[in-house]
Amino acid sequence: MPTRRCPACPAQRGFPAPTRRTCCCSSTTRRRSRATRTTSSRSRPSTAGDGAALWPVAIRDGPQGVARLLSVRGGNTGVTEPKPKAVSTTVDRAGALLKLLAQHPDGLGVAALTRELGTQRAPLYRILEALQRYQLVRRDDRKRYLLGVGTLELSHAFSAQFGRGVETLLHQLADDTGLTASLVSADRTDTLTTVMSITPSTVAEHVFTPPGYRHPDGRLASRVALYASRPPSDDEWPEVAEARRRGYAVATNPSSVRYAVSAVVPGTEKADSALVLTLLSLNTFDVESAGTALLSAVPMVGMALSSSGFVN
């Protein structure tokens, strides 16, 4: 009967091939090593509970990864990191690109776009080609990319959600008060953006903020009115408490060359985009009469928005 030599056996003894499983290195040693592994794994303290095995991953992810691991282990880090939702990277970059171009009316070149977006040229070119196909982006003769005419179509479609009733009410309010009536949207980050602005029919100099205009930071009447629609807090501005008492916010800041009164449209406070109705002017005006007209108008604007389906 042919024999083979066991390469793992210290004695290097030969044994018949049909019975090679009885070798001390094949069956006995294999059983012994399996038992040793089982015993050692049972006697070794588990590290899954304290996250020790996750430390290399946490260190690789930086401070946020360490904070996340400590919070899992019960450490008091004060950081709560919700699990991010999966999003399409391409769509996310396309949205960031459009936002970036909106902030640069003169346009940006490819080098500036790749630097600002933190991406490579190849995927950026594919995104730009797709956006150009839908006329959301255009390229000028200086090889700079700007917003395209397709964004106007989207803007018009957005404004159409409010219905003709809202625009009619703003026209009437502007003519009755002699002040510009503006409807401002506030997103979850309290960023204020004009969605509709109507000036009085009188021949005079009036404030006009075009749709899409992003308002600056600071204690604007519209922002104060937005904060006043929320529950009181210990660190709120004094103007917020006063606006909550009056029912509307007042801003008389000559440095901004703007005087305004604002109130939140009922029914939009808890929406993703709260709406604030504002009367504003370049010159001083009777705050009491303007505030009264404003408080009379906001419920009607809310009902018009509700009938158009913009708010529930």
C-alpha atoms as a PDB file:
ATOM      1  CA  MET A   1       0.000   0.000   0.000  1.00  0.00           C
ATOM      2  CA  PRO A   2       1.517   3.378  -0.883  1.00  0.00           C
ATOM      3  CA  THR A   3       2.498   5.649   1.920  1.00  0.00           C
ATOM      4  CA  ARG A   4       2.732   9.398   2.281  1.00  0.00           C
ATOM      5  CA  ARG A   5       4.690  11.510   4.651  1.00  0.00           C
ATOM      6  CA  CYS A   6       2.855  13.823   6.956  1.00  0.00           C
ATOM      7  CA  PRO A   7       4.395  17.298   6.487  1.00  0.00           C
ATOM      8  CA  ALA A   8       3.026  18.548   9.828  1.00  0.00           C
ATOM      9  CA  CYS A   9       4.167  15.598  11.967  1.00  0.00           C
ATOM     10  CA  PRO A  10       7.349  16.329  13.978  1.00  0.00           C
ATOM     11  CA  ALA A  11       8.497  12.740  13.461  1.00  0.00           C
ATOM     12  CA  GLN A  12       7.783  12.943   9.735  1.00  0.00           C
ATOM     13  CA  ARG A  13       6.549   9.358   9.925  1.00  0.00           C
ATOM     14  CA  GLY A  14       5.022   7.647   6.933  1.00  0.00           C
ATOM     15  CA  PHE A  15       1.530   6.252   6.946  1.00  0.00           C
ATOM     16  CA  PRO A  16      -0.788   4.539   4.443  1.00  0.00           C
ATOM     17  CA  ALA A  17      -2.776   6.952   2.356  1.00  0.00           C
ATOM     18  CA  PRO A  18      -6.207   5.331   3.057  1.00  0.00           C
ATOM     19  CA  THR A  19      -5.634   5.731   6.801  1.00  0.00           C
ATOM     20  CA  ARG A  20      -3.964   9.136   6.776  1.00  0.00           C
ATOM     21  CA  ARG A  21      -6.823  10.646   8.867  1.00  0.00           C
ATOM     22  CA  THR A  22      -5.539   8.648  11.857  1.00  0.00           C
ATOM     23  CA  CYS A  23      -2.272  10.535  11.821  1.00  0.00           C
ATOM     24  CA  CYS A  24      -1.427  12.256  15.078  1.00  0.00           C
ATOM     25  CA  CYS A  25      -1.110  15.523  13.195  1.00  0.00           C
ATOM     26  CA  SER A  26      -4.350  15.242  11.260  1.00  0.00           C
ATOM     27  CA  SER A  27      -7.075  14.004  13.579  1.00  0.00           C
ATOM     28  CA  THR A  28      -5.716  14.179  17.116  1.00  0.00           C
ATOM     29  CA  THR A  29      -3.917  17.474  16.724  1.00  0.00           C
ATOM     30  CA  ARG A  30      -6.829  18.958  14.775  1.00  0.00           C
ATOM     31  CA  ARG A  31      -9.261  17.980  17.513  1.00  0.00           C
ATOM     32  CA  ARG A  32      -6.919  19.310  20.175  1.00  0.00           C
ATOM     33  CA  SER A  33      -6.451  22.651  18.408  1.00  0.00           C
ATOM     34  CA  ARG A  34     -10.221  22.994  17.879  1.00  0.00           C
ATOM     35  CA  ALA A  35     -10.860  22.346  21.570  1.00  0.00           C
ATOM     36  CA  THR A  36      -8.133  24.807  22.519  1.00  0.00           C
ATOM     37  CA  ARG A  37      -9.652  27.495  20.324  1.00  0.00           C
ATOM     38  CA  THR A  38     -13.107  26.907  21.818  1.00  0.00           C
ATOM     39  CA  THR A  39     -11.805  26.984  25.381  1.00  0.00           C
ATOM     40  CA  SER A  40      -9.726  30.099  24.820  1.00  0.00           C
ATOM     41  CA  SER A  41     -12.592  31.927  23.130  1.00  0.00           C
ATOM     42  CA  ARG A  42     -14.858  31.110  26.066  1.00  0.00           C
ATOM     43  CA  SER A  43     -12.331  32.132  28.692  1.00  0.00           C
ATOM     44  CA  ARG A  44     -11.290  35.333  26.904  1.00  0.00           C
ATOM     45  CA  PRO A  45     -13.329  38.349  28.088  1.00  0.00           C
ATOM     46  CA  SER A  46     -15.644  39.748  25.454  1.00  0.00           C
ATOM     47  CA  THR A  47     -14.762  43.178  24.062  1.00  0.00           C
ATOM     48  CA  ALA A  48     -17.890  43.654  22.015  1.00  0.00           C
ATOM     49  CA  GLY A  49     -19.760  45.186  24.905  1.00  0.00           C
ATOM     50  CA  ASP A  50     -17.214  47.908  25.627  1.00  0.00           C
ATOM     51  CA  GLY A  51     -16.464  48.606  21.974  1.00  0.00           C
ATOM     52  CA  ALA A  52     -12.729  47.876  22.224  1.00  0.00           C
ATOM     53  CA  ALA A  53     -12.751  46.219  18.842  1.00  0.00           C
ATOM     54  CA  LEU A  54     -14.238  49.378  17.365  1.00  0.00           C
ATOM     55  CA  TRP A  55     -11.487  51.709  18.553  1.00  0.00           C
ATOM     56  CA  PRO A  56      -9.400  51.379  15.358  1.00  0.00           C
ATOM     57  CA  VAL A  57     -12.443  52.371  13.302  1.00  0.00           C
ATOM     58  CA  ALA A  58     -13.248  55.243  15.660  1.00  0.00           C
ATOM     59  CA  ILE A  59      -9.689  56.557  15.545  1.00  0.00           C
ATOM     60  CA  ARG A  60      -9.717  56.323  11.768  1.00  0.00           C
ATOM     61  CA  ASP A  61     -12.907  58.438  11.637  1.00  0.00           C
ATOM     62  CA  GLY A  62     -11.371  61.156  13.788  1.00  0.00           C
ATOM     63  CA  PRO A  63     -12.910  63.061  16.735  1.00  0.00           C
ATOM     64  CA  GLN A  64     -16.470  62.410  15.580  1.00  0.00           C
ATOM     65  CA  GLY A  65     -15.832  58.680  15.468  1.00  0.00           C
ATOM     66  CA  VAL A  66     -14.352  58.689  18.979  1.00  0.00           C
ATOM     67  CA  ALA A  67     -17.294  60.744  20.284  1.00  0.00           C
ATOM     68  CA  ARG A  68     -19.719  58.349  18.651  1.00  0.00           C
ATOM     69  CA  LEU A  69     -18.014  55.324  20.217  1.00  0.00           C
ATOM     70  CA  LEU A  70     -17.905  56.952  23.662  1.00  0.00           C
ATOM     71  CA  SER A  71     -21.604  57.724  23.452  1.00  0.00           C
ATOM     72  CA  VAL A  72     -22.259  54.040  22.673  1.00  0.00           C
ATOM     73  CA  ARG A  73     -20.167  53.019  25.713  1.00  0.00           C
ATOM     74  CA  GLY A  74     -22.077  55.404  27.918  1.00  0.00           C
ATOM     75  CA  GLY A  75     -19.535  58.207  27.984  1.00  0.00           C
ATOM     76  CA  ASN A  76     -20.873  61.683  28.611  1.00  0.00           C
ATOM     77  CA  THR A  77     -19.751  63.481  25.477  1.00  0.00           C
ATOM     78  CA  GLY A  78     -22.806  65.670  24.987  1.00  0.00           C
ATOM     79  CA  VAL A  79     -22.782  64.749  21.289  1.00  0.00           C
ATOM     80  CA  THR A  80     -25.805  63.083  19.713  1.00  0.00           C
ATOM     81  CA  GLU A  81     -25.108  61.931  16.194  1.00  0.00           C
ATOM     82  CA  PRO A  82     -28.186  60.638  14.373  1.00  0.00           C
ATOM     83  CA  LYS A  83     -27.574  58.098  11.683  1.00  0.00           C
ATOM     84  CA  PRO A  84     -27.387  60.028   8.409  1.00  0.00           C
ATOM     85  CA  LYS A  85     -29.873  59.138   5.740  1.00  0.00           C
ATOM     86  CA  ALA A  86     -28.531  57.653   2.550  1.00  0.00           C
ATOM     87  CA  VAL A  87     -28.599  60.167  -0.282  1.00  0.00           C
ATOM     88  CA  SER A  88     -27.406  60.145  -3.848  1.00  0.00           C
ATOM     89  CA  THR A  89     -23.976  61.723  -4.016  1.00  0.00           C
ATOM     90  CA  THR A  90     -24.543  62.943  -7.566  1.00  0.00           C
ATOM     91  CA  VAL A  91     -27.851  64.619  -6.750  1.00  0.00           C
ATOM     92  CA  ASP A  92     -26.373  66.113  -3.589  1.00  0.00           C
ATOM     93  CA  ARG A  93     -23.475  67.611  -5.542  1.00  0.00           C
ATOM     94  CA  ALA A  94     -25.821  68.934  -8.208  1.00  0.00           C
ATOM     95  CA  GLY A  95     -27.883  70.703  -5.564  1.00  0.00           C
ATOM     96  CA  ALA A  96     -24.768  72.132  -3.923  1.00  0.00           C
ATOM     97  CA  LEU A  97     -23.558  73.318  -7.336  1.00  0.00           C
ATOM     98  CA  LEU A  98     -26.801  75.179  -8.044  1.00  0.00           C
ATOM     99  CA  LYS A  99     -26.704  76.781  -4.594  1.00  0.00           C
ATOM    100  CA  LEU A 100     -23.106  77.823  -5.175  1.00  0.00           C
ATOM    101  CA  LEU A 101     -23.859  79.400  -8.535  1.00  0.00           C
ATOM    102  CA  ALA A 102     -26.786  81.271  -6.980  1.00  0.00           C
ATOM    103  CA  GLN A 103     -24.306  82.913  -4.625  1.00  0.00           C
ATOM    104  CA  HIS A 104     -22.016  83.953  -7.498  1.00  0.00           C
ATOM    105  CA  PRO A 105     -23.999  85.834 -10.167  1.00  0.00           C
ATOM    106  CA  ASP A 106     -20.793  86.423 -12.162  1.00  0.00           C
ATOM    107  CA  GLY A 107     -20.264  82.700 -12.528  1.00  0.00           C
ATOM    108  CA  LEU A 108     -17.488  80.314 -11.569  1.00  0.00           C
ATOM    109  CA  GLY A 109     -14.947  78.360 -13.577  1.00  0.00           C
ATOM    110  CA  VAL A 110     -14.303  74.634 -13.299  1.00  0.00           C
ATOM    111  CA  ALA A 111     -11.277  75.108 -11.042  1.00  0.00           C
ATOM    112  CA  ALA A 112     -13.273  77.180  -8.570  1.00  0.00           C
ATOM    113  CA  LEU A 113     -16.188  74.736  -8.661  1.00  0.00           C
ATOM    114  CA  THR A 114     -14.004  71.705  -7.954  1.00  0.00           C
ATOM    115  CA  ARG A 115     -12.334  73.556  -5.095  1.00  0.00           C
ATOM    116  CA  GLU A 116     -15.571  74.771  -3.523  1.00  0.00           C
ATOM    117  CA  LEU A 117     -17.429  71.480  -3.939  1.00  0.00           C
ATOM    118  CA  GLY A 118     -14.479  69.274  -3.012  1.00  0.00           C
ATOM    119  CA  THR A 119     -14.887  67.009  -6.003  1.00  0.00           C
ATOM    120  CA  GLN A 120     -12.920  65.894  -9.067  1.00  0.00           C
ATOM    121  CA  ARG A 121     -13.268  67.304 -12.552  1.00  0.00           C
ATOM    122  CA  ALA A 122     -14.591  64.139 -14.201  1.00  0.00           C
ATOM    123  CA  PRO A 123     -17.783  63.801 -12.097  1.00  0.00           C
ATOM    124  CA  LEU A 124     -18.190  67.577 -12.079  1.00  0.00           C
ATOM    125  CA  TYR A 125     -18.232  67.694 -15.885  1.00  0.00           C
ATOM    126  CA  ARG A 126     -20.914  64.996 -15.958  1.00  0.00           C
ATOM    127  CA  ILE A 127     -23.079  66.966 -13.530  1.00  0.00           C
ATOM    128  CA  LEU A 128     -22.595  70.182 -15.498  1.00  0.00           C
ATOM    129  CA  GLU A 129     -23.533  68.469 -18.766  1.00  0.00           C
ATOM    130  CA  ALA A 130     -26.745  67.112 -17.222  1.00  0.00           C
ATOM    131  CA  LEU A 131     -27.694  70.503 -15.768  1.00  0.00           C
ATOM    132  CA  GLN A 132     -26.963  72.207 -19.081  1.00  0.00           C
ATOM    133  CA  ARG A 133     -29.242  69.739 -20.828  1.00  0.00           C
ATOM    134  CA  TYR A 134     -32.118  70.988 -18.665  1.00  0.00           C
ATOM    135  CA  GLN A 135     -30.994  74.630 -19.013  1.00  0.00           C
ATOM    136  CA  LEU A 136     -30.401  74.931 -15.286  1.00  0.00           C
ATOM    137  CA  VAL A 137     -26.775  75.905 -15.941  1.00  0.00           C
ATOM    138  CA  ARG A 138     -25.134  77.689 -18.867  1.00  0.00           C
ATOM    139  CA  ARG A 139     -21.538  78.444 -19.833  1.00  0.00           C
ATOM    140  CA  ASP A 140     -20.483  81.841 -21.137  1.00  0.00           C
ATOM    141  CA  ASP A 141     -17.651  82.760 -23.483  1.00  0.00           C
ATOM    142  CA  ARG A 142     -15.285  83.130 -20.528  1.00  0.00           C
ATOM    143  CA  LYS A 143     -15.823  79.435 -19.743  1.00  0.00           C
ATOM    144  CA  ARG A 144     -17.627  80.380 -16.546  1.00  0.00           C
ATOM    145  CA  TYR A 145     -20.740  78.543 -15.443  1.00  0.00           C
ATOM    146  CA  LEU A 146     -23.865  80.476 -14.402  1.00  0.00           C
ATOM    147  CA  LEU A 147     -27.472  79.671 -13.589  1.00  0.00           C
ATOM    148  CA  GLY A 148     -29.539  79.012 -16.693  1.00  0.00           C
ATOM    149  CA  VAL A 149     -32.949  80.168 -17.831  1.00  0.00           C
ATOM    150  CA  GLY A 150     -34.450  76.888 -16.632  1.00  0.00           C
ATOM    151  CA  THR A 151     -34.230  78.119 -13.047  1.00  0.00           C
ATOM    152  CA  LEU A 152     -36.782  80.816 -13.914  1.00  0.00           C
ATOM    153  CA  GLU A 153     -39.239  78.118 -14.900  1.00  0.00           C
ATOM    154  CA  LEU A 154     -38.727  76.429 -11.536  1.00  0.00           C
ATOM    155  CA  SER A 155     -39.134  79.753  -9.739  1.00  0.00           C
ATOM    156  CA  HIS A 156     -42.393  80.437 -11.547  1.00  0.00           C
ATOM    157  CA  ALA A 157     -43.663  76.955 -10.708  1.00  0.00           C
ATOM    158  CA  PHE A 158     -42.815  77.519  -7.043  1.00  0.00           C
ATOM    159  CA  SER A 159     -44.652  80.854  -6.936  1.00  0.00           C
ATOM    160  CA  ALA A 160     -47.681  79.245  -8.574  1.00  0.00           C
ATOM    161  CA  GLN A 161     -48.158  77.137  -5.440  1.00  0.00           C
ATOM    162  CA  PHE A 162     -49.423  80.206  -3.584  1.00  0.00           C
ATOM    163  CA  GLY A 163     -52.268  80.851  -5.991  1.00  0.00           C
ATOM    164  CA  ARG A 164     -53.546  84.154  -7.333  1.00  0.00           C
ATOM    165  CA  GLY A 165     -55.394  84.870  -4.100  1.00  0.00           C
ATOM    166  CA  VAL A 166     -52.193  85.497  -2.139  1.00  0.00           C
ATOM    167  CA  GLU A 167     -50.821  87.891  -4.734  1.00  0.00           C
ATOM    168  CA  THR A 168     -54.128  89.792  -4.795  1.00  0.00           C
ATOM    169  CA  LEU A 169     -54.095  90.148  -1.010  1.00  0.00           C
ATOM    170  CA  LEU A 170     -50.513  91.465  -1.074  1.00  0.00           C
ATOM    171  CA  HIS A 171     -51.418  93.985  -3.782  1.00  0.00           C
ATOM    172  CA  GLN A 172     -54.335  95.247  -1.699  1.00  0.00           C
ATOM    173  CA  LEU A 173     -52.240  95.437   1.469  1.00  0.00           C
ATOM    174  CA  ALA A 174     -49.455  97.351  -0.287  1.00  0.00           C
ATOM    175  CA  ASP A 175     -51.868  99.879  -1.777  1.00  0.00           C
ATOM    176  CA  ASP A 176     -53.760 100.363   1.496  1.00  0.00           C
ATOM    177  CA  THR A 177     -50.639 101.005   3.570  1.00  0.00           C
ATOM    178  CA  GLY A 178     -48.359 102.565   0.947  1.00  0.00           C
ATOM    179  CA  LEU A 179     -45.688 100.043   1.994  1.00  0.00           C
ATOM    180  CA  THR A 180     -44.072  97.137   0.201  1.00  0.00           C
ATOM    181  CA  ALA A 181     -45.742  93.842   1.117  1.00  0.00           C
ATOM    182  CA  SER A 182     -43.314  90.954   1.112  1.00  0.00           C
ATOM    183  CA  LEU A 183     -43.800  87.264   1.808  1.00  0.00           C
ATOM    184  CA  VAL A 184     -40.673  85.668   3.230  1.00  0.00           C
ATOM    185  CA  SER A 185     -39.920  81.971   3.683  1.00  0.00           C
ATOM    186  CA  ALA A 186     -37.900  80.692   6.640  1.00  0.00           C
ATOM    187  CA  ASP A 187     -36.399  77.207   6.391  1.00  0.00           C
ATOM    188  CA  ARG A 188     -35.296  74.938   9.239  1.00  0.00           C
ATOM    189  CA  THR A 189     -32.024  76.835   9.590  1.00  0.00           C
ATOM    190  CA  ASP A 190     -33.947  80.139   9.887  1.00  0.00           C
ATOM    191  CA  THR A 191     -32.592  81.323   6.555  1.00  0.00           C
ATOM    192  CA  LEU A 192     -34.940  83.994   5.190  1.00  0.00           C
ATOM    193  CA  THR A 193     -35.710  84.077   1.472  1.00  0.00           C
ATOM    194  CA  THR A 194     -38.193  86.312  -0.339  1.00  0.00           C
ATOM    195  CA  VAL A 195     -40.821  84.360  -2.266  1.00  0.00           C
ATOM    196  CA  MET A 196     -43.091  87.270  -3.264  1.00  0.00           C
ATOM    197  CA  SER A 197     -42.759  91.055  -3.079  1.00  0.00           C
ATOM    198  CA  ILE A 198     -45.405  93.607  -4.117  1.00  0.00           C
ATOM    199  CA  THR A 199     -44.804  97.364  -4.158  1.00  0.00           C
ATOM    200  CA  PRO A 200     -47.594  99.990  -3.937  1.00  0.00           C
ATOM    201  CA  SER A 201     -49.070 101.388  -7.136  1.00  0.00           C
ATOM    202  CA  THR A 202     -48.066 104.939  -6.159  1.00  0.00           C
ATOM    203  CA  VAL A 203     -45.239 106.681  -7.991  1.00  0.00           C
ATOM    204  CA  ALA A 204     -42.616 106.801  -5.272  1.00  0.00           C
ATOM    205  CA  GLU A 205     -39.427 105.122  -4.155  1.00  0.00           C
ATOM    206  CA  HIS A 206     -40.161 101.777  -2.540  1.00  0.00           C
ATOM    207  CA  VAL A 207     -38.201  98.848  -1.191  1.00  0.00           C
ATOM    208  CA  PHE A 208     -38.223  95.786  -3.432  1.00  0.00           C
ATOM    209  CA  THR A 209     -36.626  92.435  -2.672  1.00  0.00           C
ATOM    210  CA  PRO A 210     -36.891  90.096  -5.677  1.00  0.00           C
ATOM    211  CA  PRO A 211     -37.995  86.483  -5.261  1.00  0.00           C
ATOM    212  CA  GLY A 212     -35.045  84.357  -4.245  1.00  0.00           C
ATOM    213  CA  TYR A 213     -33.350  87.197  -2.358  1.00  0.00           C
ATOM    214  CA  ARG A 214     -31.646  85.823   0.744  1.00  0.00           C
ATOM    215  CA  HIS A 215     -31.881  88.194   3.675  1.00  0.00           C
ATOM    216  CA  PRO A 216     -28.806  88.943   5.793  1.00  0.00           C
ATOM    217  CA  ASP A 217     -28.308  87.764   9.345  1.00  0.00           C
ATOM    218  CA  GLY A 218     -29.300  89.956  12.237  1.00  0.00           C
ATOM    219  CA  ARG A 219     -32.368  91.158  14.059  1.00  0.00           C
ATOM    220  CA  LEU A 220     -34.610  91.749  11.093  1.00  0.00           C
ATOM    221  CA  ALA A 221     -38.324  92.167  11.762  1.00  0.00           C
ATOM    222  CA  SER A 222     -39.129  88.954   9.871  1.00  0.00           C
ATOM    223  CA  ARG A 223     -36.630  86.944  11.929  1.00  0.00           C
ATOM    224  CA  VAL A 224     -37.856  88.455  15.201  1.00  0.00           C
ATOM    225  CA  ALA A 225     -41.451  87.590  14.252  1.00  0.00           C
ATOM    226  CA  LEU A 226     -40.369  84.033  13.468  1.00  0.00           C
ATOM    227  CA  TYR A 227     -38.746  83.623  16.885  1.00  0.00           C
ATOM    228  CA  ALA A 228     -41.781  85.196  18.573  1.00  0.00           C
ATOM    229  CA  SER A 229     -44.003  82.449  17.132  1.00  0.00           C
ATOM    230  CA  ARG A 230     -42.047  79.880  19.140  1.00  0.00           C
ATOM    231  CA  PRO A 231     -42.184  79.125  22.883  1.00  0.00           C
ATOM    232  CA  PRO A 232     -40.238  81.583  25.076  1.00  0.00           C
ATOM    233  CA  SER A 233     -36.627  80.825  25.913  1.00  0.00           C
ATOM    234  CA  ASP A 234     -34.168  82.269  28.448  1.00  0.00           C
ATOM    235  CA  ASP A 235     -31.703  83.543  25.852  1.00  0.00           C
ATOM    236  CA  GLU A 236     -34.117  85.167  23.404  1.00  0.00           C
ATOM    237  CA  TRP A 237     -33.740  88.758  22.251  1.00  0.00           C
ATOM    238  CA  PRO A 238     -35.735  91.457  24.042  1.00  0.00           C
ATOM    239  CA  GLU A 239     -37.384  92.304  20.720  1.00  0.00           C
ATOM    240  CA  VAL A 240     -38.794  88.777  20.567  1.00  0.00           C
ATOM    241  CA  ALA A 241     -40.682  89.143  23.842  1.00  0.00           C
ATOM    242  CA  GLU A 242     -42.015  92.511  22.716  1.00  0.00           C
ATOM    243  CA  ALA A 243     -43.133  91.034  19.385  1.00  0.00           C
ATOM    244  CA  ARG A 244     -44.896  88.220  21.216  1.00  0.00           C
ATOM    245  CA  ARG A 245     -46.770  90.791  23.303  1.00  0.00           C
ATOM    246  CA  ARG A 246     -47.734  92.964  20.305  1.00  0.00           C
ATOM    247  CA  GLY A 247     -48.511  90.169  17.908  1.00  0.00           C
ATOM    248  CA  TYR A 248     -46.015  91.475  15.349  1.00  0.00           C
ATOM    249  CA  ALA A 249     -42.350  92.505  15.212  1.00  0.00           C
ATOM    250  CA  VAL A 250     -41.051  96.009  14.582  1.00  0.00           C
ATOM    251  CA  ALA A 251     -37.695  96.973  13.107  1.00  0.00           C
ATOM    252  CA  THR A 252     -36.598 100.596  12.961  1.00  0.00           C
ATOM    253  CA  ASN A 253     -32.950 100.368  12.088  1.00  0.00           C
ATOM    254  CA  PRO A 254     -31.678 103.382  10.146  1.00  0.00           C
ATOM    255  CA  SER A 255     -28.338 101.670   9.515  1.00  0.00           C
ATOM    256  CA  SER A 256     -30.090  99.130   7.273  1.00  0.00           C
ATOM    257  CA  VAL A 257     -32.129 101.879   5.550  1.00  0.00           C
ATOM    258  CA  ARG A 258     -35.236  99.837   6.260  1.00  0.00           C
ATOM    259  CA  TYR A 259     -38.254 100.083   8.543  1.00  0.00           C
ATOM    260  CA  ALA A 260     -40.562  97.101   8.825  1.00  0.00           C
ATOM    261  CA  VAL A 261     -43.292  95.271  10.699  1.00  0.00           C
ATOM    262  CA  SER A 262     -43.657  91.493  10.398  1.00  0.00           C
ATOM    263  CA  ALA A 263     -45.935  88.664  11.512  1.00  0.00           C
ATOM    264  CA  VAL A 264     -45.903  84.913  10.878  1.00  0.00           C
ATOM    265  CA  VAL A 265     -48.708  83.615   8.668  1.00  0.00           C
ATOM    266  CA  PRO A 266     -50.955  81.329  10.773  1.00  0.00           C
ATOM    267  CA  GLY A 267     -50.724  77.655   9.928  1.00  0.00           C
ATOM    268  CA  THR A 268     -47.144  77.796   8.645  1.00  0.00           C
ATOM    269  CA  GLU A 269     -45.256  77.909  11.965  1.00  0.00           C
ATOM    270  CA  LYS A 270     -44.664  74.149  12.110  1.00  0.00           C
ATOM    271  CA  ALA A 271     -44.125  73.654   8.384  1.00  0.00           C
ATOM    272  CA  ASP A 272     -40.737  72.979   6.810  1.00  0.00           C
ATOM    273  CA  SER A 273     -40.815  76.542   5.489  1.00  0.00           C
ATOM    274  CA  ALA A 274     -42.610  79.001   7.740  1.00  0.00           C
ATOM    275  CA  LEU A 275     -43.933  82.121   5.992  1.00  0.00           C
ATOM    276  CA  VAL A 276     -43.614  85.640   7.357  1.00  0.00           C
ATOM    277  CA  LEU A 277     -45.603  88.592   6.000  1.00  0.00           C
ATOM    278  CA  THR A 278     -43.687  91.876   6.159  1.00  0.00           C
ATOM    279  CA  LEU A 279     -44.472  95.517   5.438  1.00  0.00           C
ATOM    280  CA  LEU A 280     -41.341  97.523   4.826  1.00  0.00           C
ATOM    281  CA  SER A 281     -40.262 100.957   3.692  1.00  0.00           C
ATOM    282  CA  LEU A 282     -37.211 103.155   3.234  1.00  0.00           C
ATOM    283  CA  ASN A 283     -38.808 105.811   5.445  1.00  0.00           C
ATOM    284  CA  THR A 284     -40.472 105.868   8.839  1.00  0.00           C
ATOM    285  CA  PHE A 285     -44.204 105.188   9.009  1.00  0.00           C
ATOM    286  CA  ASP A 286     -47.006 104.862  11.539  1.00  0.00           C
ATOM    287  CA  VAL A 287     -46.184 101.560  13.208  1.00  0.00           C
ATOM    288  CA  GLU A 288     -49.553 101.172  14.941  1.00  0.00           C
ATOM    289  CA  SER A 289     -51.659 101.561  11.794  1.00  0.00           C
ATOM    290  CA  ALA A 290     -49.305  99.377   9.774  1.00  0.00           C
ATOM    291  CA  GLY A 291     -49.347  96.727  12.499  1.00  0.00           C
ATOM    292  CA  THR A 292     -53.137  96.737  12.596  1.00  0.00           C
ATOM    293  CA  ALA A 293     -53.342  96.293   8.827  1.00  0.00           C
ATOM    294  CA  LEU A 294     -50.763  93.522   9.018  1.00  0.00           C
ATOM    295  CA  LEU A 295     -52.653  91.606  11.706  1.00  0.00           C
ATOM    296  CA  SER A 296     -55.817  91.860   9.624  1.00  0.00           C
ATOM    297  CA  ALA A 297     -54.068  90.538   6.521  1.00  0.00           C
ATOM    298  CA  VAL A 298     -52.154  87.526   7.861  1.00  0.00           C
ATOM    299  CA  PRO A 299     -55.257  85.385   8.616  1.00  0.00           C
ATOM    300  CA  MET A 300     -56.582  85.989   5.115  1.00  0.00           C
ATOM    301  CA  VAL A 301     -53.207  85.084   3.615  1.00  0.00           C
ATOM    302  CA  GLY A 302     -53.222  81.910   5.702  1.00  0.00           C
ATOM    303  CA  MET A 303     -56.689  80.971   4.428  1.00  0.00           C
ATOM    304  CA  ALA A 304     -55.623  81.675   0.832  1.00  0.00           C
ATOM    305  CA  LEU A 305     -52.598  79.422   1.277  1.00  0.00           C
ATOM    306  CA  SER A 306     -54.765  76.729   2.795  1.00  0.00           C
ATOM    307  CA  SER A 307     -57.240  76.840  -0.080  1.00  0.00           C
ATOM    308  CA  SER A 308     -54.388  76.533  -2.577  1.00  0.00           C
ATOM    309  CA  GLY A 309     -53.062  73.476  -0.756  1.00  0.00           C
ATOM    310  CA  PHE A 310     -49.768  75.067   0.287  1.00  0.00           C
ATOM    311  CA  VAL A 311     -50.509  74.476   3.982  1.00  0.00           C
ATOM    312  CA  ASN A 312     -52.731  71.891   5.613  1.00  0.00           C
END
